[in-house]
Amino acid sequence: MSSKLKVLLTILAILVLSVSGCTIAYQIENNIIIKKATPIGIEYFKSEYDVTVEFTDSQVFDGYVYPKVNLYGYVNNDINEKVSISINYNTYEVENVGGPKWLFQLE
């Protein structure tokens, strides 16, 4: 094997490992954000609407786009009563809430 090919393969291996490491770090950071936001979302629905929710999915936006996490789930063990909440992960303040119409008519 030529020395140019060895150098090229070494550089390629370094790039692959760097990208893999960044991806893992990104996933770990997103999991931390979700774990911090989930109890906030659950407590928000409990205190503001007196309902129990379970979150089953999430979406974390990149900070350069908008620092928010969306949590998606349902109310009171009824998967047909979908809810969502957006939380700013810099301040962990609730920014937006979605759900069935009856939930918001209780206010």
PDB file of N, CA and C in Angstrom:
ATOM      1  N   MET A   1       0.845  -1.167   0.000  1.00  0.00           N
ATOM      2  CA  MET A   1       0.000   0.000   0.000  1.00  0.00           C
ATOM      3  C   MET A   1       0.895   1.236   0.000  1.00  0.00           C
ATOM      4  N   SER A   2       0.555   2.177  -0.857  1.00  0.00           N
ATOM      5  CA  SER A   2       1.383   3.385  -0.967  1.00  0.00           C
ATOM      6  C   SER A   2       1.179   4.294   0.238  1.00  0.00           C
ATOM      7  N   SER A   3       2.138   5.139   0.475  1.00  0.00           N
ATOM      8  CA  SER A   3       2.053   6.048   1.621  1.00  0.00           C
ATOM      9  C   SER A   3       0.933   7.074   1.442  1.00  0.00           C
ATOM     10  N   LYS A   4       0.653   7.481   0.206  1.00  0.00           N
ATOM     11  CA  LYS A   4      -0.453   8.414  -0.051  1.00  0.00           C
ATOM     12  C   LYS A   4      -1.781   7.770   0.310  1.00  0.00           C
ATOM     13  N   LEU A   5      -1.950   6.504  -0.021  1.00  0.00           N
ATOM     14  CA  LEU A   5      -3.189   5.794   0.286  1.00  0.00           C
ATOM     15  C   LEU A   5      -3.353   5.636   1.801  1.00  0.00           C
ATOM     16  N   LYS A   6      -2.255   5.345   2.510  1.00  0.00           N
ATOM     17  CA  LYS A   6      -2.297   5.220   3.969  1.00  0.00           C
ATOM     18  C   LYS A   6      -2.721   6.551   4.612  1.00  0.00           C
ATOM     19  N   VAL A   7      -2.158   7.628   4.137  1.00  0.00           N
ATOM     20  CA  VAL A   7      -2.496   8.956   4.670  1.00  0.00           C
ATOM     21  C   VAL A   7      -3.964   9.265   4.392  1.00  0.00           C
ATOM     22  N   LEU A   8      -4.418   8.981   3.190  1.00  0.00           N
ATOM     23  CA  LEU A   8      -5.804   9.222   2.813  1.00  0.00           C
ATOM     24  C   LEU A   8      -6.752   8.399   3.682  1.00  0.00           C
ATOM     25  N   LEU A   9      -6.437   7.118   3.890  1.00  0.00           N
ATOM     26  CA  LEU A   9      -7.275   6.257   4.725  1.00  0.00           C
ATOM     27  C   LEU A   9      -7.264   6.716   6.182  1.00  0.00           C
ATOM     28  N   THR A  10      -6.132   7.170   6.659  1.00  0.00           N
ATOM     29  CA  THR A  10      -6.037   7.679   8.028  1.00  0.00           C
ATOM     30  C   THR A  10      -6.898   8.931   8.202  1.00  0.00           C
ATOM     31  N   ILE A  11      -6.838   9.832   7.245  1.00  0.00           N
ATOM     32  CA  ILE A  11      -7.650  11.048   7.299  1.00  0.00           C
ATOM     33  C   ILE A  11      -9.129  10.699   7.240  1.00  0.00           C
ATOM     34  N   LEU A  12      -9.490   9.777   6.372  1.00  0.00           N
ATOM     35  CA  LEU A  12     -10.879   9.338   6.256  1.00  0.00           C
ATOM     36  C   LEU A  12     -11.362   8.723   7.568  1.00  0.00           C
ATOM     37  N   ALA A  13     -10.544   7.895   8.190  1.00  0.00           N
ATOM     38  CA  ALA A  13     -10.909   7.281   9.470  1.00  0.00           C
ATOM     39  C   ALA A  13     -11.104   8.337  10.551  1.00  0.00           C
ATOM     40  N   ILE A  14     -10.244   9.337  10.596  1.00  0.00           N
ATOM     41  CA  ILE A  14     -10.365  10.420  11.574  1.00  0.00           C
ATOM     42  C   ILE A  14     -11.664  11.198  11.361  1.00  0.00           C
ATOM     43  N   LEU A  15     -11.986  11.482  10.108  1.00  0.00           N
ATOM     44  CA  LEU A  15     -13.227  12.198   9.811  1.00  0.00           C
ATOM     45  C   LEU A  15     -14.455  11.399  10.233  1.00  0.00           C
ATOM     46  N   VAL A  16     -14.461  10.113   9.930  1.00  0.00           N
ATOM     47  CA  VAL A  16     -15.596   9.257  10.300  1.00  0.00           C
ATOM     48  C   VAL A  16     -15.758   9.219  11.812  1.00  0.00           C
ATOM     49  N   LEU A  17     -14.667   9.057  12.530  1.00  0.00           N
ATOM     50  CA  LEU A  17     -14.737   9.017  13.990  1.00  0.00           C
ATOM     51  C   LEU A  17     -15.173  10.358  14.568  1.00  0.00           C
ATOM     52  N   SER A  18     -14.745  11.454  13.973  1.00  0.00           N
ATOM     53  CA  SER A  18     -15.146  12.785  14.445  1.00  0.00           C
ATOM     54  C   SER A  18     -16.640  13.002  14.272  1.00  0.00           C
ATOM     55  N   VAL A  19     -17.144  12.649  13.106  1.00  0.00           N
ATOM     56  CA  VAL A  19     -18.580  12.806  12.840  1.00  0.00           C
ATOM     57  C   VAL A  19     -19.391  11.919  13.774  1.00  0.00           C
ATOM     58  N   SER A  20     -18.956  10.700  13.989  1.00  0.00           N
ATOM     59  CA  SER A  20     -19.666   9.785  14.894  1.00  0.00           C
ATOM     60  C   SER A  20     -19.689  10.341  16.308  1.00  0.00           C
ATOM     61  N   GLY A  21     -18.574  10.875  16.756  1.00  0.00           N
ATOM     62  CA  GLY A  21     -18.500  11.450  18.098  1.00  0.00           C
ATOM     63  C   GLY A  21     -19.413  12.641  18.261  1.00  0.00           C
ATOM     64  N   CYS A  22     -19.493  13.490  17.250  1.00  0.00           N
ATOM     65  CA  CYS A  22     -20.379  14.660  17.304  1.00  0.00           C
ATOM     66  C   CYS A  22     -21.844  14.229  17.339  1.00  0.00           C
ATOM     67  N   THR A  23     -22.181  13.211  16.578  1.00  0.00           N
ATOM     68  CA  THR A  23     -23.551  12.708  16.557  1.00  0.00           C
ATOM     69  C   THR A  23     -23.947  12.164  17.917  1.00  0.00           C
ATOM     70  N   ILE A  24     -23.073  11.425  18.540  1.00  0.00           N
ATOM     71  CA  ILE A  24     -23.362  10.862  19.861  1.00  0.00           C
ATOM     72  C   ILE A  24     -23.525  11.991  20.882  1.00  0.00           C
ATOM     73  N   ALA A  25     -22.656  12.984  20.843  1.00  0.00           N
ATOM     74  CA  ALA A  25     -22.750  14.117  21.770  1.00  0.00           C
ATOM     75  C   ALA A  25     -24.060  14.868  21.562  1.00  0.00           C
ATOM     76  N   TYR A  26     -24.478  15.045  20.320  1.00  0.00           N
ATOM     77  CA  TYR A  26     -25.728  15.733  19.978  1.00  0.00           C
ATOM     78  C   TYR A  26     -26.914  14.964  20.554  1.00  0.00           C
ATOM     79  N   GLN A  27     -26.917  13.637  20.411  1.00  0.00           N
ATOM     80  CA  GLN A  27     -28.007  12.818  20.927  1.00  0.00           C
ATOM     81  C   GLN A  27     -28.055  12.862  22.455  1.00  0.00           C
ATOM     82  N   ILE A  28     -26.910  12.839  23.091  1.00  0.00           N
ATOM     83  CA  ILE A  28     -26.863  12.915  24.557  1.00  0.00           C
ATOM     84  C   ILE A  28     -27.420  14.256  25.025  1.00  0.00           C
ATOM     85  N   GLU A  29     -27.018  15.334  24.373  1.00  0.00           N
ATOM     86  CA  GLU A  29     -27.509  16.666  24.736  1.00  0.00           C
ATOM     87  C   GLU A  29     -29.023  16.753  24.565  1.00  0.00           C
ATOM     88  N   ASN A  30     -29.542  16.217  23.463  1.00  0.00           N
ATOM     89  CA  ASN A  30     -30.992  16.225  23.232  1.00  0.00           C
ATOM     90  C   ASN A  30     -31.729  15.416  24.300  1.00  0.00           C
ATOM     91  N   ASN A  31     -31.177  14.274  24.690  1.00  0.00           N
ATOM     92  CA  ASN A  31     -31.810  13.467  25.732  1.00  0.00           C
ATOM     93  C   ASN A  31     -31.862  14.213  27.062  1.00  0.00           C
ATOM     94  N   ILE A  32     -30.822  14.954  27.374  1.00  0.00           N
ATOM     95  CA  ILE A  32     -30.804  15.751  28.607  1.00  0.00           C
ATOM     96  C   ILE A  32     -31.891  16.826  28.561  1.00  0.00           C
ATOM     97  N   ILE A  33     -32.011  17.487  27.432  1.00  0.00           N
ATOM     98  CA  ILE A  33     -33.042  18.522  27.261  1.00  0.00           C
ATOM     99  C   ILE A  33     -34.429  17.910  27.445  1.00  0.00           C
ATOM    100  N   ILE A  34     -34.682  16.769  26.817  1.00  0.00           N
ATOM    101  CA  ILE A  34     -35.988  16.113  26.911  1.00  0.00           C
ATOM    102  C   ILE A  34     -36.278  15.689  28.344  1.00  0.00           C
ATOM    103  N   LYS A  35     -35.284  15.147  29.033  1.00  0.00           N
ATOM    104  CA  LYS A  35     -35.484  14.712  30.423  1.00  0.00           C
ATOM    105  C   LYS A  35     -35.783  15.885  31.347  1.00  0.00           C
ATOM    106  N   LYS A  36     -35.222  17.053  31.076  1.00  0.00           N
ATOM    107  CA  LYS A  36     -35.508  18.228  31.899  1.00  0.00           C
ATOM    108  C   LYS A  36     -36.870  18.826  31.555  1.00  0.00           C
ATOM    109  N   ALA A  37     -37.251  18.791  30.289  1.00  0.00           N
ATOM    110  CA  ALA A  37     -38.499  19.417  29.845  1.00  0.00           C
ATOM    111  C   ALA A  37     -39.732  18.578  30.171  1.00  0.00           C
ATOM    112  N   THR A  38     -39.605  17.261  30.167  1.00  0.00           N
ATOM    113  CA  THR A  38     -40.765  16.391  30.360  1.00  0.00           C
ATOM    114  C   THR A  38     -41.501  16.646  31.677  1.00  0.00           C
ATOM    115  N   PRO A  39     -40.830  16.670  32.832  1.00  0.00           N
ATOM    116  CA  PRO A  39     -41.578  16.947  34.067  1.00  0.00           C
ATOM    117  C   PRO A  39     -42.186  18.344  34.099  1.00  0.00           C
ATOM    118  N   ILE A  40     -41.561  19.293  33.431  1.00  0.00           N
ATOM    119  CA  ILE A  40     -42.119  20.641  33.347  1.00  0.00           C
ATOM    120  C   ILE A  40     -43.434  20.608  32.579  1.00  0.00           C
ATOM    121  N   GLY A  41     -43.448  19.882  31.462  1.00  0.00           N
ATOM    122  CA  GLY A  41     -44.666  19.755  30.663  1.00  0.00           C
ATOM    123  C   GLY A  41     -45.777  19.037  31.408  1.00  0.00           C
ATOM    124  N   ILE A  42     -45.441  17.965  32.094  1.00  0.00           N
ATOM    125  CA  ILE A  42     -46.431  17.208  32.869  1.00  0.00           C
ATOM    126  C   ILE A  42     -47.026  18.107  33.959  1.00  0.00           C
ATOM    127  N   GLU A  43     -46.175  18.805  34.682  1.00  0.00           N
ATOM    128  CA  GLU A  43     -46.641  19.685  35.764  1.00  0.00           C
ATOM    129  C   GLU A  43     -47.481  20.840  35.216  1.00  0.00           C
ATOM    130  N   TYR A  44     -47.111  21.358  34.048  1.00  0.00           N
ATOM    131  CA  TYR A  44     -47.862  22.461  33.452  1.00  0.00           C
ATOM    132  C   TYR A  44     -49.293  22.029  33.162  1.00  0.00           C
ATOM    133  N   PHE A  45     -49.467  20.874  32.521  1.00  0.00           N
ATOM    134  CA  PHE A  45     -50.818  20.397  32.212  1.00  0.00           C
ATOM    135  C   PHE A  45     -51.601  20.105  33.495  1.00  0.00           C
ATOM    136  N   LYS A  46     -50.930  19.595  34.504  1.00  0.00           N
ATOM    137  CA  LYS A  46     -51.595  19.285  35.772  1.00  0.00           C
ATOM    138  C   LYS A  46     -52.041  20.569  36.473  1.00  0.00           C
ATOM    139  N   SER A  47     -51.166  21.559  36.549  1.00  0.00           N
ATOM    140  CA  SER A  47     -51.507  22.780  37.278  1.00  0.00           C
ATOM    141  C   SER A  47     -52.453  23.699  36.505  1.00  0.00           C
ATOM    142  N   GLU A  48     -52.298  23.785  35.204  1.00  0.00           N
ATOM    143  CA  GLU A  48     -53.117  24.712  34.412  1.00  0.00           C
ATOM    144  C   GLU A  48     -54.455  24.116  33.964  1.00  0.00           C
ATOM    145  N   TYR A  49     -54.501  22.808  33.713  1.00  0.00           N
ATOM    146  CA  TYR A  49     -55.700  22.191  33.145  1.00  0.00           C
ATOM    147  C   TYR A  49     -56.233  21.024  33.970  1.00  0.00           C
ATOM    148  N   ASP A  50     -55.555  20.694  35.051  1.00  0.00           N
ATOM    149  CA  ASP A  50     -55.949  19.607  35.946  1.00  0.00           C
ATOM    150  C   ASP A  50     -56.137  18.283  35.198  1.00  0.00           C
ATOM    151  N   VAL A  51     -55.204  17.973  34.315  1.00  0.00           N
ATOM    152  CA  VAL A  51     -55.205  16.700  33.597  1.00  0.00           C
ATOM    153  C   VAL A  51     -53.819  16.056  33.704  1.00  0.00           C
ATOM    154  N   THR A  52     -53.828  14.759  33.642  1.00  0.00           N
ATOM    155  CA  THR A  52     -52.587  13.999  33.620  1.00  0.00           C
ATOM    156  C   THR A  52     -52.248  13.689  32.171  1.00  0.00           C
ATOM    157  N   VAL A  53     -51.019  13.934  31.793  1.00  0.00           N
ATOM    158  CA  VAL A  53     -50.596  13.661  30.418  1.00  0.00           C
ATOM    159  C   VAL A  53     -49.406  12.712  30.429  1.00  0.00           C
ATOM    160  N   GLU A  54     -49.240  12.051  29.320  1.00  0.00           N
ATOM    161  CA  GLU A  54     -48.060  11.222  29.106  1.00  0.00           C
ATOM    162  C   GLU A  54     -47.468  11.616  27.764  1.00  0.00           C
ATOM    163  N   PHE A  55     -46.178  11.897  27.754  1.00  0.00           N
ATOM    164  CA  PHE A  55     -45.504  12.270  26.521  1.00  0.00           C
ATOM    165  C   PHE A  55     -44.847  11.038  25.906  1.00  0.00           C
ATOM    166  N   THR A  56     -45.056  10.878  24.614  1.00  0.00           N
ATOM    167  CA  THR A  56     -44.559   9.698  23.918  1.00  0.00           C
ATOM    168  C   THR A  56     -43.553  10.016  22.816  1.00  0.00           C
ATOM    169  N   ASP A  57     -43.450  11.297  22.466  1.00  0.00           N
ATOM    170  CA  ASP A  57     -42.537  11.668  21.383  1.00  0.00           C
ATOM    171  C   ASP A  57     -42.021  13.080  21.651  1.00  0.00           C
ATOM    172  N   SER A  58     -40.951  13.430  20.987  1.00  0.00           N
ATOM    173  CA  SER A  58     -40.361  14.747  21.191  1.00  0.00           C
ATOM    174  C   SER A  58     -39.605  15.183  19.946  1.00  0.00           C
ATOM    175  N   GLN A  59     -39.353  16.481  19.906  1.00  0.00           N
ATOM    176  CA  GLN A  59     -38.574  17.064  18.814  1.00  0.00           C
ATOM    177  C   GLN A  59     -37.766  18.220  19.399  1.00  0.00           C
ATOM    178  N   VAL A  60     -36.455  18.141  19.278  1.00  0.00           N
ATOM    179  CA  VAL A  60     -35.576  19.190  19.783  1.00  0.00           C
ATOM    180  C   VAL A  60     -35.046  19.970  18.583  1.00  0.00           C
ATOM    181  N   PHE A  61     -35.248  21.280  18.617  1.00  0.00           N
ATOM    182  CA  PHE A  61     -34.753  22.135  17.547  1.00  0.00           C
ATOM    183  C   PHE A  61     -33.347  22.598  17.890  1.00  0.00           C
ATOM    184  N   ASP A  62     -32.538  22.806  16.881  1.00  0.00           N
ATOM    185  CA  ASP A  62     -31.188  23.329  17.093  1.00  0.00           C
ATOM    186  C   ASP A  62     -31.269  24.742  17.642  1.00  0.00           C
ATOM    187  N   GLY A  63     -30.351  25.081  18.509  1.00  0.00           N
ATOM    188  CA  GLY A  63     -30.334  26.394  19.126  1.00  0.00           C
ATOM    189  C   GLY A  63     -30.216  27.532  18.141  1.00  0.00           C
ATOM    190  N   TYR A  64     -29.546  27.315  17.021  1.00  0.00           N
ATOM    191  CA  TYR A  64     -29.419  28.386  16.039  1.00  0.00           C
ATOM    192  C   TYR A  64     -30.710  28.601  15.274  1.00  0.00           C
ATOM    193  N   VAL A  65     -31.604  27.618  15.250  1.00  0.00           N
ATOM    194  CA  VAL A  65     -32.916  27.778  14.626  1.00  0.00           C
ATOM    195  C   VAL A  65     -33.848  28.431  15.638  1.00  0.00           C
ATOM    196  N   TYR A  66     -34.072  27.743  16.742  1.00  0.00           N
ATOM    197  CA  TYR A  66     -34.871  28.249  17.856  1.00  0.00           C
ATOM    198  C   TYR A  66     -34.693  27.280  19.005  1.00  0.00           C
ATOM    199  N   PRO A  67     -34.322  27.739  20.167  1.00  0.00           N
ATOM    200  CA  PRO A  67     -34.035  26.820  21.276  1.00  0.00           C
ATOM    201  C   PRO A  67     -35.316  26.299  21.933  1.00  0.00           C
ATOM    202  N   LYS A  68     -35.974  25.362  21.272  1.00  0.00           N
ATOM    203  CA  LYS A  68     -37.182  24.823  21.866  1.00  0.00           C
ATOM    204  C   LYS A  68     -37.254  23.323  21.669  1.00  0.00           C
ATOM    205  N   VAL A  69     -38.003  22.712  22.572  1.00  0.00           N
ATOM    206  CA  VAL A  69     -38.297  21.294  22.486  1.00  0.00           C
ATOM    207  C   VAL A  69     -39.816  21.156  22.463  1.00  0.00           C
ATOM    208  N   ASN A  70     -40.310  20.360  21.546  1.00  0.00           N
ATOM    209  CA  ASN A  70     -41.727  20.039  21.486  1.00  0.00           C
ATOM    210  C   ASN A  70     -41.921  18.648  22.059  1.00  0.00           C
ATOM    211  N   LEU A  71     -42.884  18.518  22.952  1.00  0.00           N
ATOM    212  CA  LEU A  71     -43.249  17.225  23.508  1.00  0.00           C
ATOM    213  C   LEU A  71     -44.658  16.889  23.033  1.00  0.00           C
ATOM    214  N   TYR A  72     -44.861  15.642  22.629  1.00  0.00           N
ATOM    215  CA  TYR A  72     -46.145  15.189  22.106  1.00  0.00           C
ATOM    216  C   TYR A  72     -46.625  13.999  22.920  1.00  0.00           C
ATOM    217  N   GLY A  73     -47.911  13.963  23.194  1.00  0.00           N
ATOM    218  CA  GLY A  73     -48.454  12.849  23.963  1.00  0.00           C
ATOM    219  C   GLY A  73     -49.960  12.865  23.967  1.00  0.00           C
ATOM    220  N   TYR A  74     -50.526  12.397  25.081  1.00  0.00           N
ATOM    221  CA  TYR A  74     -51.982  12.300  25.180  1.00  0.00           C
ATOM    222  C   TYR A  74     -52.437  12.511  26.618  1.00  0.00           C
ATOM    223  N   VAL A  75     -53.752  12.715  26.764  1.00  0.00           N
ATOM    224  CA  VAL A  75     -54.370  13.019  28.057  1.00  0.00           C
ATOM    225  C   VAL A  75     -54.968  11.768  28.674  1.00  0.00           C
ATOM    226  N   ASN A  76     -54.769  11.606  29.984  1.00  0.00           N
ATOM    227  CA  ASN A  76     -55.495  10.627  30.798  1.00  0.00           C
ATOM    228  C   ASN A  76     -55.631   9.240  30.168  1.00  0.00           C
ATOM    229  N   ASN A  77     -54.555   8.689  29.696  1.00  0.00           N
ATOM    230  CA  ASN A  77     -54.539   7.341  29.124  1.00  0.00           C
ATOM    231  C   ASN A  77     -55.450   7.160  27.916  1.00  0.00           C
ATOM    232  N   ASP A  78     -55.816   8.226  27.244  1.00  0.00           N
ATOM    233  CA  ASP A  78     -56.643   8.151  26.034  1.00  0.00           C
ATOM    234  C   ASP A  78     -55.800   8.628  24.855  1.00  0.00           C
ATOM    235  N   ILE A  79     -55.293   7.699  24.080  1.00  0.00           N
ATOM    236  CA  ILE A  79     -54.375   8.059  22.987  1.00  0.00           C
ATOM    237  C   ILE A  79     -55.044   8.898  21.901  1.00  0.00           C
ATOM    238  N   ASN A  80     -56.363   8.996  21.933  1.00  0.00           N
ATOM    239  CA  ASN A  80     -57.069   9.824  20.950  1.00  0.00           C
ATOM    240  C   ASN A  80     -57.102  11.297  21.349  1.00  0.00           C
ATOM    241  N   GLU A  81     -56.798  11.603  22.603  1.00  0.00           N
ATOM    242  CA  GLU A  81     -56.793  12.977  23.106  1.00  0.00           C
ATOM    243  C   GLU A  81     -55.353  13.496  23.114  1.00  0.00           C
ATOM    244  N   LYS A  82     -54.888  13.893  21.959  1.00  0.00           N
ATOM    245  CA  LYS A  82     -53.487  14.278  21.781  1.00  0.00           C
ATOM    246  C   LYS A  82     -53.210  15.676  22.336  1.00  0.00           C
ATOM    247  N   VAL A  83     -52.022  15.824  22.912  1.00  0.00           N
ATOM    248  CA  VAL A  83     -51.564  17.116  23.424  1.00  0.00           C
ATOM    249  C   VAL A  83     -50.134  17.371  22.957  1.00  0.00           C
ATOM    250  N   SER A  84     -49.761  18.632  22.999  1.00  0.00           N
ATOM    251  CA  SER A  84     -48.378  18.999  22.695  1.00  0.00           C
ATOM    252  C   SER A  84     -48.027  20.230  23.511  1.00  0.00           C
ATOM    253  N   ILE A  85     -46.752  20.407  23.723  1.00  0.00           N
ATOM    254  CA  ILE A  85     -46.271  21.569  24.453  1.00  0.00           C
ATOM    255  C   ILE A  85     -44.892  21.935  23.917  1.00  0.00           C
ATOM    256  N   SER A  86     -44.655  23.235  23.785  1.00  0.00           N
ATOM    257  CA  SER A  86     -43.347  23.741  23.358  1.00  0.00           C
ATOM    258  C   SER A  86     -42.703  24.438  24.541  1.00  0.00           C
ATOM    259  N   ILE A  87     -41.455  24.075  24.806  1.00  0.00           N
ATOM    260  CA  ILE A  87     -40.722  24.632  25.931  1.00  0.00           C
ATOM    261  C   ILE A  87     -39.383  25.160  25.433  1.00  0.00           C
ATOM    262  N   ASN A  88     -39.064  26.380  25.799  1.00  0.00           N
ATOM    263  CA  ASN A  88     -37.769  26.968  25.467  1.00  0.00           C
ATOM    264  C   ASN A  88     -36.721  26.295  26.351  1.00  0.00           C
ATOM    265  N   TYR A  89     -35.734  25.636  25.766  1.00  0.00           N
ATOM    266  CA  TYR A  89     -34.775  24.906  26.586  1.00  0.00           C
ATOM    267  C   TYR A  89     -33.611  25.756  27.093  1.00  0.00           C
ATOM    268  N   ASN A  90     -33.626  27.040  26.801  1.00  0.00           N
ATOM    269  CA  ASN A  90     -32.680  27.941  27.457  1.00  0.00           C
ATOM    270  C   ASN A  90     -33.233  28.408  28.800  1.00  0.00           C
ATOM    271  N   THR A  91     -34.543  28.661  28.832  1.00  0.00           N
ATOM    272  CA  THR A  91     -35.193  29.164  30.044  1.00  0.00           C
ATOM    273  C   THR A  91     -36.104  28.134  30.694  1.00  0.00           C
ATOM    274  N   TYR A  92     -36.449  27.093  29.976  1.00  0.00           N
ATOM    275  CA  TYR A  92     -37.404  26.065  30.392  1.00  0.00           C
ATOM    276  C   TYR A  92     -38.755  26.674  30.762  1.00  0.00           C
ATOM    277  N   GLU A  93     -39.170  27.660  29.966  1.00  0.00           N
ATOM    278  CA  GLU A  93     -40.490  28.257  30.098  1.00  0.00           C
ATOM    279  C   GLU A  93     -41.382  27.723  28.995  1.00  0.00           C
ATOM    280  N   VAL A  94     -42.650  27.490  29.335  1.00  0.00           N
ATOM    281  CA  VAL A  94     -43.628  27.008  28.370  1.00  0.00           C
ATOM    282  C   VAL A  94     -43.958  28.144  27.415  1.00  0.00           C
ATOM    283  N   GLU A  95     -43.944  27.844  26.122  1.00  0.00           N
ATOM    284  CA  GLU A  95     -44.216  28.868  25.113  1.00  0.00           C
ATOM    285  C   GLU A  95     -45.510  28.623  24.360  1.00  0.00           C
ATOM    286  N   ASN A  96     -45.908  27.363  24.227  1.00  0.00           N
ATOM    287  CA  ASN A  96     -47.109  27.061  23.452  1.00  0.00           C
ATOM    288  C   ASN A  96     -47.662  25.720  23.909  1.00  0.00           C
ATOM    289  N   VAL A  97     -48.986  25.602  23.880  1.00  0.00           N
ATOM    290  CA  VAL A  97     -49.648  24.369  24.288  1.00  0.00           C
ATOM    291  C   VAL A  97     -50.718  24.040  23.257  1.00  0.00           C
ATOM    292  N   GLY A  98     -50.858  22.760  22.952  1.00  0.00           N
ATOM    293  CA  GLY A  98     -51.906  22.315  22.052  1.00  0.00           C
ATOM    294  C   GLY A  98     -52.625  21.121  22.635  1.00  0.00           C
ATOM    295  N   GLY A  99     -53.879  20.947  22.231  1.00  0.00           N
ATOM    296  CA  GLY A  99     -54.650  19.814  22.718  1.00  0.00           C
ATOM    297  C   GLY A  99     -56.078  19.880  22.219  1.00  0.00           C
ATOM    298  N   PRO A 100     -56.916  18.997  22.732  1.00  0.00           N
ATOM    299  CA  PRO A 100     -58.317  18.982  22.308  1.00  0.00           C
ATOM    300  C   PRO A 100     -59.052  20.248  22.763  1.00  0.00           C
ATOM    301  N   LYS A 101     -60.079  20.638  22.020  1.00  0.00           N
ATOM    302  CA  LYS A 101     -60.813  21.866  22.325  1.00  0.00           C
ATOM    303  C   LYS A 101     -61.394  21.863  23.733  1.00  0.00           C
ATOM    304  N   TRP A 102     -61.906  20.728  24.170  1.00  0.00           N
ATOM    305  CA  TRP A 102     -62.540  20.674  25.490  1.00  0.00           C
ATOM    306  C   TRP A 102     -61.560  21.031  26.610  1.00  0.00           C
ATOM    307  N   LEU A 103     -60.301  20.755  26.387  1.00  0.00           N
ATOM    308  CA  LEU A 103     -59.294  21.048  27.405  1.00  0.00           C
ATOM    309  C   LEU A 103     -59.169  22.555  27.658  1.00  0.00           C
ATOM    310  N   PHE A 104     -59.234  23.326  26.608  1.00  0.00           N
ATOM    311  CA  PHE A 104     -59.064  24.770  26.710  1.00  0.00           C
ATOM    312  C   PHE A 104     -60.355  25.482  27.056  1.00  0.00           C
ATOM    313  N   GLN A 105     -61.497  24.818  26.922  1.00  0.00           N
ATOM    314  CA  GLN A 105     -62.774  25.417  27.291  1.00  0.00           C
ATOM    315  C   GLN A 105     -62.992  25.394  28.789  1.00  0.00           C
ATOM    316  N   LEU A 106     -62.163  24.642  29.523  1.00  0.00           N
ATOM    317  CA  LEU A 106     -62.295  24.567  30.976  1.00  0.00           C
ATOM    318  C   LEU A 106     -61.804  25.834  31.658  1.00  0.00           C
ATOM    319  N   GLU A 107     -61.033  26.640  30.933  1.00  0.00           N
ATOM    320  CA  GLU A 107     -60.431  27.833  31.545  1.00  0.00           C
ATOM    321  C   GLU A 107     -61.464  28.862  31.927  1.00  0.00           C
TER     322      GLU A 107
END
